[in-house]
């Protein structure tokens, strides 16, 4: 098996200096077209592979983007990572993916680690525990290229990518009301998250428009433990003030709701209708009954984050990332969990 040659070996074969070969491979104007063709031809013949680590040292770049996410199991975050990688690999950049597991202390440790130069930029969605953002402020003040998505820090002046959470929360609640629901529960992971606040505002405004009063006991703040969430939702469904509709602000709570319903005598959608923010459409359609979703453009969000950073990192004299919020819309897909046939 031919494992290839290094730069010095390639240069010796061509009887050229390593610096000349390097400039030819990098399409330098100092090298003639004839020499470039000769070098490239021999490089292909001998299976020459450049050393990315040596190049990174010369350029004072790691050619690495750090992606910090709250959890790996979520299809939303995995699709965002796929979208990021789709773009970065075209520029020879690699990803370091860190999961905070919804733990702000772990998030702080990861950020401190990244301040030491392990990556050239960070794409991040904060944990559900993140309220003190001093560690993120320090990161930004050091001039580190930082982009937020989904769960953003509004107080840090950089670019953030979100979906239209308020409008989606409003339309999702409105759809449940149109299907006859009058007691709609709102499930969330954290009251502190930017996405939760926007989705909840949409929920409240839709209730108000329909002349319905919000009931605090129907707002359930869940946790990271699946079994605990299932039991909390089951108790709500078996209680005296049972909801007839549920808006789940994250996909993992929609799945917990399906498990909870199985522990009751209720039927979806006859007794309880469910709609959720969701990314994994293949799972949503396979659930029984299939789940009505507010479909988040996860892959597209990842692509746009990466495009912005690649422009910043690969083009000369780029300004700081602008302080702006870019909204990529979600779409509601109606399925059997909210429609009685």
Protein backbone atom coordinates (compact mmCIF):
# COMPACT_ATOMS: atom_id res chain seq x y z
CA UNK A 1 0.00 0.00 0.00
CA UNK A 2 1.39 3.39 -1.03
CA UNK A 3 1.19 5.68 1.99
CA UNK A 4 2.56 8.67 0.09
CA UNK A 5 5.60 10.90 0.41
CA UNK A 6 6.32 14.02 2.42
CA UNK A 7 7.34 17.43 1.08
CA UNK A 8 11.09 16.80 1.27
CA UNK A 9 10.79 13.48 -0.56
CA UNK A 10 8.62 15.05 -3.24
CA UNK A 11 11.11 17.89 -3.69
CA UNK A 12 14.03 15.41 -3.97
CA UNK A 13 12.20 13.45 -6.64
CA UNK A 14 11.60 16.67 -8.61
CA UNK A 15 15.14 17.95 -7.96
CA UNK A 16 13.66 21.19 -6.64
CA UNK A 17 13.93 22.90 -3.28
CA UNK A 18 11.16 22.17 -0.75
CA UNK A 19 10.24 25.88 -0.68
CA UNK A 20 9.75 25.93 -4.46
CA UNK A 21 7.56 22.83 -4.32
CA UNK A 22 5.53 24.31 -1.47
CA UNK A 23 4.93 27.56 -3.37
CA UNK A 24 3.96 25.60 -6.49
CA UNK A 25 1.42 23.54 -4.56
CA UNK A 26 -0.01 26.74 -3.08
CA UNK A 27 -0.38 28.30 -6.55
CA UNK A 28 2.11 31.10 -5.87
CA UNK A 29 2.50 33.77 -8.57
CA UNK A 30 6.28 33.40 -8.15
CA UNK A 31 6.22 29.94 -9.78
CA UNK A 32 5.72 29.38 -13.51
CA UNK A 33 2.72 27.45 -14.79
CA UNK A 34 5.00 24.79 -16.27
CA UNK A 35 6.64 24.14 -12.88
CA UNK A 36 3.26 24.08 -11.13
CA UNK A 37 1.98 21.44 -13.56
CA UNK A 38 5.14 19.38 -13.14
CA UNK A 39 4.91 19.52 -9.34
CA UNK A 40 1.19 18.70 -9.21
CA UNK A 41 1.63 15.79 -11.60
CA UNK A 42 4.41 14.27 -9.51
CA UNK A 43 2.50 14.91 -6.29
CA UNK A 44 -0.45 12.95 -7.62
CA UNK A 45 1.81 10.16 -8.91
CA UNK A 46 3.59 9.74 -5.55
CA UNK A 47 0.41 10.24 -3.48
CA UNK A 48 1.76 13.31 -1.68
CA UNK A 49 -0.38 14.34 1.30
CA UNK A 50 0.23 17.75 2.93
CA UNK A 51 0.71 17.84 6.69
CA UNK A 52 -2.24 19.85 8.05
CA UNK A 53 -0.63 20.26 11.47
CA UNK A 54 2.57 21.75 10.07
CA UNK A 55 0.56 24.14 7.95
CA UNK A 56 -1.54 25.15 10.93
CA UNK A 57 1.59 25.99 12.90
CA UNK A 58 2.97 28.12 10.08
CA UNK A 59 -0.30 30.02 9.72
CA UNK A 60 -0.79 30.28 13.49
CA UNK A 61 -4.19 28.64 13.04
CA UNK A 62 -5.58 25.38 14.35
CA UNK A 63 -7.97 25.03 11.37
CA UNK A 64 -10.50 23.87 13.95
CA UNK A 65 -13.95 25.15 14.89
CA UNK A 66 -15.29 24.31 18.36
CA UNK A 67 -19.01 23.55 18.57
CA UNK A 68 -20.46 23.69 22.09
CA UNK A 69 -23.92 22.15 22.49
CA UNK A 70 -26.11 21.25 25.49
CA UNK A 71 -26.53 17.58 24.51
CA UNK A 72 -25.52 15.11 21.82
CA UNK A 73 -28.68 12.97 21.79
CA UNK A 74 -30.94 15.73 20.48
CA UNK A 75 -31.58 15.39 16.77
CA UNK A 76 -31.75 19.17 16.53
CA UNK A 77 -28.18 19.67 17.71
CA UNK A 78 -26.84 16.72 15.71
CA UNK A 79 -28.38 18.18 12.55
CA UNK A 80 -26.89 21.61 13.30
CA UNK A 81 -23.45 19.96 13.62
CA UNK A 82 -24.02 18.19 10.28
CA UNK A 83 -24.84 21.54 8.67
CA UNK A 84 -21.72 23.16 10.12
CA UNK A 85 -19.50 20.32 8.91
CA UNK A 86 -21.00 20.45 5.43
CA UNK A 87 -19.49 23.93 5.02
CA UNK A 88 -16.29 23.79 7.11
CA UNK A 89 -14.90 20.68 5.43
CA UNK A 90 -14.94 22.56 2.11
CA UNK A 91 -12.37 24.94 3.62
CA UNK A 92 -10.22 22.28 5.28
CA UNK A 93 -11.52 23.05 8.77
CA UNK A 94 -12.31 20.37 11.33
CA UNK A 95 -14.78 20.33 14.21
CA UNK A 96 -14.29 19.79 17.92
CA UNK A 97 -17.72 19.05 19.40
CA UNK A 98 -18.22 19.54 23.14
CA UNK A 99 -21.36 18.68 25.11
CA UNK A 100 -22.14 20.57 28.31
CA UNK A 101 -24.84 18.04 29.31
CA UNK A 102 -26.91 21.06 30.39
CA UNK A 103 -24.33 21.78 33.12
CA UNK A 104 -23.17 25.39 33.36
CA UNK A 105 -20.03 24.44 35.34
CA UNK A 106 -18.99 22.09 32.57
CA UNK A 107 -19.77 24.84 30.07
CA UNK A 108 -17.42 27.21 31.92
CA UNK A 109 -14.63 24.60 31.92
CA UNK A 110 -15.03 24.05 28.19
CA UNK A 111 -14.90 27.79 27.49
CA UNK A 112 -11.77 28.19 29.65
CA UNK A 113 -10.15 25.32 27.77
CA UNK A 114 -10.96 26.91 24.42
CA UNK A 115 -9.47 30.24 25.48
CA UNK A 116 -6.08 28.53 25.32
CA UNK A 117 -6.21 28.36 21.54
CA UNK A 118 -7.60 24.91 20.81
CA UNK A 119 -9.88 26.36 18.14
CA UNK A 120 -10.02 29.38 15.83
CA UNK A 121 -13.69 30.12 16.57
CA UNK A 122 -16.68 28.86 18.54
CA UNK A 123 -20.26 28.10 17.54
CA UNK A 124 -22.37 27.72 20.66
CA UNK A 125 -25.80 27.05 22.15
CA UNK A 126 -25.83 27.65 25.90
CA UNK A 127 -26.96 25.22 28.60
CA UNK A 128 -30.35 25.41 30.31
CA UNK A 129 -28.54 26.48 33.53
CA UNK A 130 -26.71 29.43 31.99
CA UNK A 131 -27.82 32.70 33.58
CA UNK A 132 -24.42 34.13 34.60
CA UNK A 133 -22.64 34.79 31.29
CA UNK A 134 -19.38 36.24 32.64
CA UNK A 135 -17.35 33.37 31.15
CA UNK A 136 -18.83 34.09 27.72
CA UNK A 137 -18.26 37.81 28.09
CA UNK A 138 -14.55 37.20 28.82
CA UNK A 139 -14.33 34.98 25.76
CA UNK A 140 -15.82 37.64 23.52
CA UNK A 141 -13.72 40.45 25.03
CA UNK A 142 -10.57 38.55 24.07
CA UNK A 143 -11.57 38.95 20.45
CA UNK A 144 -12.48 35.30 19.98
CA UNK A 145 -14.87 34.81 17.00
CA UNK A 146 -18.07 33.60 18.64
CA UNK A 147 -21.44 32.77 17.08
CA UNK A 148 -24.55 31.72 19.02
CA UNK A 149 -27.46 29.67 17.72
CA UNK A 150 -30.84 28.62 19.09
CA UNK A 151 -30.13 29.30 22.80
CA UNK A 152 -28.42 32.64 22.53
CA UNK A 153 -26.92 35.30 24.82
CA UNK A 154 -28.59 38.53 23.78
CA UNK A 155 -26.19 40.69 25.83
CA UNK A 156 -23.06 39.63 23.93
CA UNK A 157 -22.56 41.76 20.79
CA UNK A 158 -22.04 39.12 18.13
CA UNK A 159 -24.11 37.29 15.50
CA UNK A 160 -26.88 34.95 16.66
CA UNK A 161 -28.94 32.54 14.56
CA UNK A 162 -32.42 31.65 15.76
CA UNK A 163 -35.72 30.48 14.39
CA UNK A 164 -38.98 32.40 14.75
CA UNK A 165 -39.73 31.05 18.21
CA UNK A 166 -42.39 33.59 19.20
CA UNK A 167 -44.38 33.16 15.99
CA UNK A 168 -44.01 29.38 16.14
CA UNK A 169 -45.20 29.26 19.77
CA UNK A 170 -48.16 31.44 18.80
CA UNK A 171 -49.10 29.38 15.73
CA UNK A 172 -48.63 26.06 17.54
CA UNK A 173 -50.96 27.14 20.34
CA UNK A 174 -53.42 28.61 17.85
CA UNK A 175 -53.54 25.27 16.01
CA UNK A 176 -54.41 23.45 19.25
CA UNK A 177 -57.16 25.99 19.97
CA UNK A 178 -58.55 25.52 16.46
CA UNK A 179 -58.74 21.78 17.16
CA UNK A 180 -60.95 22.46 20.19
CA UNK A 181 -58.36 22.60 23.00
CA UNK A 182 -59.19 24.94 25.88
CA UNK A 183 -56.75 23.81 28.58
CA UNK A 184 -53.31 23.82 26.98
CA UNK A 185 -50.19 22.87 28.94
CA UNK A 186 -46.75 24.29 28.15
CA UNK A 187 -43.75 22.01 28.78
CA UNK A 188 -40.27 23.52 29.14
CA UNK A 189 -36.76 22.64 30.33
CA UNK A 190 -35.78 26.05 31.70
CA UNK A 191 -37.43 29.41 32.19
CA UNK A 192 -34.05 31.10 31.65
CA UNK A 193 -33.50 30.10 28.03
CA UNK A 194 -34.07 32.70 25.33
CA UNK A 195 -35.97 30.20 23.18
CA UNK A 196 -38.28 29.24 26.05
CA UNK A 197 -39.12 32.86 26.80
CA UNK A 198 -40.02 33.58 23.17
CA UNK A 199 -42.03 30.38 22.69
CA UNK A 200 -43.86 30.99 25.96
CA UNK A 201 -44.74 34.57 24.96
CA UNK A 202 -46.24 33.22 21.74
CA UNK A 203 -48.22 30.66 23.73
CA UNK A 204 -49.59 33.31 26.11
CA UNK A 205 -50.54 35.71 23.32
CA UNK A 206 -52.39 32.97 21.42
CA UNK A 207 -54.38 32.12 24.55
CA UNK A 208 -55.17 35.80 25.08
CA UNK A 209 -56.30 36.27 21.48
CA UNK A 210 -58.69 33.34 21.90
CA UNK A 211 -60.07 34.72 25.16
CA UNK A 212 -58.48 31.96 27.25
CA UNK A 213 -56.77 32.58 30.56
CA UNK A 214 -53.38 30.98 31.23
CA UNK A 215 -53.36 28.53 34.14
CA UNK A 216 -50.01 28.49 36.01
CA UNK A 217 -50.47 24.85 37.08
CA UNK A 218 -50.40 23.86 33.40
CA UNK A 219 -46.86 25.23 32.94
CA UNK A 220 -44.45 22.43 33.76
CA UNK A 221 -40.69 22.97 34.12
CA UNK A 222 -39.04 19.61 33.53
CA UNK A 223 -35.49 18.35 34.08
CA UNK A 224 -32.82 16.23 32.36
CA UNK A 225 -34.00 12.91 33.86
CA UNK A 226 -36.37 11.17 31.44
CA UNK A 227 -38.18 9.01 34.01
CA UNK A 228 -38.78 12.00 36.28
CA UNK A 229 -40.23 13.95 33.36
CA UNK A 230 -42.51 11.08 32.36
CA UNK A 231 -43.88 10.85 35.88
CA UNK A 232 -44.39 14.63 36.16
CA UNK A 233 -46.37 14.64 32.93
CA UNK A 234 -48.33 11.53 33.91
CA UNK A 235 -49.38 13.18 37.19
CA UNK A 236 -50.53 16.21 35.23
CA UNK A 237 -52.57 14.01 32.89
CA UNK A 238 -54.12 12.03 35.76
CA UNK A 239 -54.82 15.13 37.87
CA UNK A 240 -58.09 16.97 38.38
CA UNK A 241 -57.05 19.85 36.11
CA UNK A 242 -56.09 17.70 33.13
CA UNK A 243 -55.07 19.55 29.95
CA UNK A 244 -56.63 18.68 26.62
CA UNK A 245 -53.64 19.96 24.64
CA UNK A 246 -49.87 20.10 25.13
CA UNK A 247 -47.30 22.38 23.52
CA UNK A 248 -43.82 20.95 24.12
CA UNK A 249 -41.02 23.50 23.78
CA UNK A 250 -38.39 20.80 23.08
CA UNK A 251 -38.56 17.43 21.36
CA UNK A 252 -37.38 15.30 24.31
CA UNK A 253 -40.43 16.41 26.30
CA UNK A 254 -42.75 15.42 23.46
CA UNK A 255 -41.31 11.90 23.60
CA UNK A 256 -41.70 11.91 27.39
CA UNK A 257 -45.36 12.89 26.90
CA UNK A 258 -45.96 9.90 24.62
CA UNK A 259 -44.50 7.61 27.29
CA UNK A 260 -46.62 9.33 29.97
CA UNK A 261 -49.84 8.92 27.97
CA UNK A 262 -49.20 5.17 27.73
CA UNK A 263 -49.35 5.03 31.54
CA UNK A 264 -52.86 6.51 31.55
CA UNK A 265 -56.22 5.63 30.02
CA UNK A 266 -55.97 8.60 27.62
CA UNK A 267 -55.75 8.45 23.86
CA UNK A 268 -53.93 10.75 21.44
CA UNK A 269 -55.52 12.81 19.85
CA UNK A 270 -59.04 12.02 21.14
CA UNK A 271 -58.34 12.97 24.77
CA UNK A 272 -55.07 14.87 24.52
CA UNK A 273 -53.55 16.64 21.52
CA UNK A 274 -49.80 17.18 21.25
CA UNK A 275 -47.63 19.53 19.21
CA UNK A 276 -43.90 20.01 19.68
CA UNK A 277 -40.83 21.84 18.46
CA UNK A 278 -39.04 19.00 16.70
CA UNK A 279 -36.22 18.37 14.23
CA UNK A 280 -36.15 14.64 13.52
CA UNK A 281 -38.96 14.29 10.99
CA UNK A 282 -38.34 10.57 10.48
CA UNK A 283 -39.06 9.88 14.15
CA UNK A 284 -42.04 12.27 14.24
CA UNK A 285 -43.77 10.40 11.41
CA UNK A 286 -43.04 6.98 12.96
CA UNK A 287 -44.59 7.78 16.33
CA UNK A 288 -48.04 6.34 16.92
CA UNK A 289 -49.93 8.49 16.28
CA UNK A 290 -47.56 10.59 14.17
CA UNK A 291 -46.54 13.85 15.87
CA UNK A 292 -47.56 17.31 14.71
CA UNK A 293 -44.34 19.31 14.70
CA UNK A 294 -42.96 22.81 14.57
CA UNK A 295 -40.05 21.82 12.36
CA UNK A 296 -36.82 23.68 13.11
CA UNK A 297 -34.40 24.31 10.21
CA UNK A 298 -31.48 22.76 12.11
CA UNK A 299 -29.24 21.83 9.17
CA UNK A 300 -29.73 25.24 7.57
CA UNK A 301 -28.88 27.02 10.84
CA UNK A 302 -25.63 25.04 11.01
CA UNK A 303 -24.74 25.92 7.44
CA UNK A 304 -25.33 29.65 7.98
CA UNK A 305 -23.25 29.70 11.18
CA UNK A 306 -20.37 28.05 9.34
CA UNK A 307 -20.60 30.27 6.25
CA UNK A 308 -20.31 33.36 8.42
CA UNK A 309 -17.26 32.05 10.26
CA UNK A 310 -15.53 30.76 7.13
CA UNK A 311 -15.79 34.23 5.61
CA UNK A 312 -14.36 35.71 8.80
CA UNK A 313 -11.49 33.21 9.06
CA UNK A 314 -10.46 32.71 5.43
CA UNK A 315 -10.74 36.17 3.90
CA UNK A 316 -8.27 38.97 4.79
CA UNK A 317 -9.17 42.16 6.69
CA UNK A 318 -12.61 40.99 7.81
CA UNK A 319 -14.42 43.17 10.38
CA UNK A 320 -15.69 41.85 13.72
CA UNK A 321 -18.80 39.71 13.53
CA UNK A 322 -21.80 42.08 13.48
CA UNK A 323 -24.12 42.33 16.46
CA UNK A 324 -27.24 40.99 14.79
CA UNK A 325 -29.92 38.33 15.17
CA UNK A 326 -30.67 36.33 12.02
CA UNK A 327 -33.98 34.48 11.95
CA UNK A 328 -34.49 31.33 9.87
CA UNK A 329 -38.21 30.37 9.99
CA UNK A 330 -39.66 27.11 11.28
CA UNK A 331 -42.66 25.38 9.69
CA UNK A 332 -45.65 23.60 11.23
CA UNK A 333 -46.32 20.12 9.87
CA UNK A 334 -49.78 18.82 10.81
CA UNK A 335 -49.97 15.10 11.66
CA UNK A 336 -52.24 12.73 13.56
CA UNK A 337 -51.41 13.83 17.12
CA UNK A 338 -53.65 16.90 16.80
CA UNK A 339 -56.30 15.78 14.30
CA UNK A 340 -59.25 13.55 15.23
CA UNK A 341 -60.35 11.59 12.17
